[in-house]
Amino acid sequence: MMRGTTGERTIARTLPPHLARQIQACIDRGTVKDTDDVLEAALALLDDEAQRRARLDAILGEAEADVAAGRVTEWSPELRARIVRNAKARLRADPHLDAILDETGADVAAGRVHEMTPVPFAEILHDRIPLADSGEELDPDVAP
């Protein structure tokens, strides 16, 4: 039986055995001092999850609005190649990052790295970025 108070109300609830064992294990490990701590931690996690979902919903809403307004860049092999060329040029300009690029290239070539899902172009490139090989500028708000 679990007992606790919420303001002036007392809540009494019989827990299923597996939950009671989990709570007792947390107490025995010293993760929490009592059942109230377990409930507070669980509720804090639920609140965090709700806030994370709300942020995600807001981001998705913005993305859908961008798509509806035509503020998108079509992902293509050519666009990917331009982004990669630009990133390599920036990395090659920094001797510390040059070694990381070489190591990453070896990992990709060896199949130890899988293709990543592209993120929205404008999130990566916040400003106009000069393209290393052509001298032109790439504007994240304009499709290439």
Protein backbone atom coordinates (compact mmCIF):
# COMPACT_ATOMS: atom_id res chain seq x y z
CA MET A 1 0.00 0.00 0.00
CA MET A 2 1.32 3.41 -0.92
CA ARG A 3 0.23 6.44 1.07
CA GLY A 4 0.93 10.08 0.36
CA THR A 5 -0.68 13.46 0.68
CA THR A 6 -1.54 16.02 -1.95
CA GLY A 7 -2.32 19.23 -0.14
CA GLU A 8 -5.08 18.11 2.20
CA ARG A 9 -5.91 14.89 0.36
CA THR A 10 -4.43 11.52 1.13
CA ILE A 11 -4.01 9.08 -1.71
CA ALA A 12 -3.92 5.38 -0.88
CA ARG A 13 -3.08 2.95 -3.66
CA THR A 14 -2.11 -0.70 -3.71
CA LEU A 15 0.73 -1.20 -6.14
CA PRO A 16 1.20 -4.25 -8.34
CA PRO A 17 4.02 -6.44 -7.00
CA HIS A 18 6.43 -5.62 -9.83
CA LEU A 19 6.15 -1.87 -9.12
CA ALA A 20 6.53 -2.36 -5.41
CA ARG A 21 9.72 -4.41 -6.08
CA GLN A 22 11.08 -1.69 -8.39
CA ILE A 23 10.46 1.01 -5.80
CA GLN A 24 12.03 -1.08 -3.05
CA ALA A 25 15.06 -1.77 -5.27
CA CYS A 26 15.51 1.99 -5.80
CA ILE A 27 15.33 2.56 -2.07
CA ASP A 28 17.74 -0.33 -1.35
CA ARG A 29 20.28 1.03 -3.87
CA GLY A 30 20.07 4.44 -2.26
CA THR A 31 18.79 6.07 -5.43
CA VAL A 32 15.91 7.49 -3.41
CA LYS A 33 15.16 7.59 0.29
CA ASP A 34 11.48 6.66 0.20
CA THR A 35 8.36 6.15 -1.90
CA ASP A 36 7.64 9.88 -1.98
CA ASP A 37 11.01 10.47 -3.68
CA VAL A 38 10.14 7.85 -6.29
CA LEU A 39 6.83 9.55 -7.03
CA GLU A 40 8.44 13.00 -7.21
CA ALA A 41 11.10 11.71 -9.62
CA ALA A 42 8.51 9.94 -11.77
CA LEU A 43 6.32 13.04 -11.94
CA ALA A 44 9.32 15.21 -12.79
CA LEU A 45 10.13 12.86 -15.68
CA LEU A 46 6.54 13.01 -16.89
CA ASP A 47 6.67 16.82 -16.78
CA ASP A 48 9.98 16.84 -18.68
CA GLU A 49 8.50 14.54 -21.32
CA ALA A 50 5.44 16.76 -21.71
CA GLN A 51 7.64 19.84 -22.16
CA ARG A 52 9.84 18.00 -24.68
CA ARG A 53 6.77 16.95 -26.65
CA ALA A 54 5.42 20.51 -26.62
CA ARG A 55 8.76 21.82 -27.96
CA LEU A 56 8.76 19.14 -30.64
CA ASP A 57 5.19 20.00 -31.63
CA ALA A 58 6.20 23.65 -31.95
CA ILE A 59 9.21 22.76 -34.12
CA LEU A 60 7.07 20.51 -36.29
CA GLY A 61 4.50 23.29 -36.63
CA GLU A 62 7.23 25.70 -37.78
CA ALA A 63 8.53 23.13 -40.26
CA GLU A 64 5.06 22.52 -41.66
CA ALA A 65 4.55 26.28 -42.02
CA ASP A 66 7.87 26.55 -43.87
CA VAL A 67 6.85 23.76 -46.24
CA ALA A 68 3.43 25.33 -46.82
CA ALA A 69 5.05 28.71 -47.55
CA GLY A 70 7.59 27.17 -49.90
CA ARG A 71 10.56 27.94 -47.65
CA VAL A 72 12.28 24.64 -48.30
CA THR A 73 15.25 23.44 -50.27
CA GLU A 74 14.83 20.21 -52.16
CA TRP A 75 17.39 17.69 -50.96
CA SER A 76 19.40 16.35 -53.87
CA PRO A 77 22.74 14.66 -54.48
CA GLU A 78 24.03 17.92 -55.97
CA LEU A 79 23.05 19.91 -52.88
CA ARG A 80 24.66 17.30 -50.64
CA ALA A 81 27.86 17.48 -52.71
CA ARG A 82 27.94 21.28 -52.40
CA ILE A 83 27.48 21.11 -48.64
CA VAL A 84 30.17 18.44 -48.31
CA ARG A 85 32.64 20.45 -50.46
CA ASN A 86 32.02 23.52 -48.32
CA ALA A 87 32.40 21.58 -45.07
CA LYS A 88 35.63 19.96 -46.26
CA ALA A 89 37.08 23.33 -47.23
CA ARG A 90 36.26 24.72 -43.80
CA LEU A 91 37.71 21.69 -42.04
CA ARG A 92 40.85 21.68 -44.18
CA ALA A 93 41.46 25.30 -43.13
CA ASP A 94 41.87 24.13 -39.51
CA PRO A 95 44.81 21.72 -39.00
CA HIS A 96 43.22 20.20 -35.88
CA LEU A 97 40.02 19.38 -37.71
CA ASP A 98 41.90 18.09 -40.77
CA ALA A 99 42.83 14.90 -38.88
CA ILE A 100 39.22 14.43 -37.78
CA LEU A 101 38.04 14.76 -41.38
CA ASP A 102 40.57 12.18 -42.57
CA GLU A 103 39.52 9.77 -39.82
CA THR A 104 35.84 10.29 -40.57
CA GLY A 105 36.45 9.76 -44.28
CA ALA A 106 38.19 6.48 -43.50
CA ASP A 107 35.25 5.41 -41.33
CA VAL A 108 32.79 6.22 -44.12
CA ALA A 109 34.90 4.42 -46.72
CA ALA A 110 35.15 1.36 -44.47
CA GLY A 111 31.38 1.31 -43.97
CA ARG A 112 31.58 2.06 -40.24
CA VAL A 113 29.37 5.14 -40.63
CA HIS A 114 25.87 5.06 -42.07
CA GLU A 115 24.24 7.81 -44.10
CA MET A 116 22.54 10.30 -41.79
CA THR A 117 19.08 11.74 -42.24
CA PRO A 118 19.46 15.30 -43.54
CA VAL A 119 18.36 18.10 -41.26
CA PRO A 120 16.66 21.26 -42.54
CA PHE A 121 19.16 23.18 -44.62
CA ALA A 122 18.50 26.54 -42.97
CA GLU A 123 19.19 25.09 -39.51
CA ILE A 124 22.69 24.12 -40.58
CA LEU A 125 23.53 27.24 -42.51
CA HIS A 126 22.33 30.33 -40.71
CA ASP A 127 24.13 32.83 -42.92
CA ARG A 128 25.34 33.07 -46.47
CA ILE A 129 28.29 30.73 -46.83
CA PRO A 130 30.87 31.01 -49.59
CA LEU A 131 31.26 27.83 -51.58
CA ALA A 132 34.89 26.75 -51.57
CA ASP A 133 35.14 25.60 -55.15
CA SER A 134 33.21 28.25 -57.07
CA GLY A 135 33.43 31.56 -55.24
CA GLU A 136 29.63 31.83 -55.29
CA GLU A 137 27.60 32.16 -52.13
CA LEU A 138 24.99 29.70 -50.95
CA ASP A 139 21.95 31.34 -49.38
CA PRO A 140 20.05 28.94 -47.09
CA ASP A 141 16.78 30.69 -47.87
CA VAL A 142 17.10 30.21 -51.63
CA ALA A 143 17.00 26.86 -53.36
CA PRO A 144 20.23 26.12 -55.27
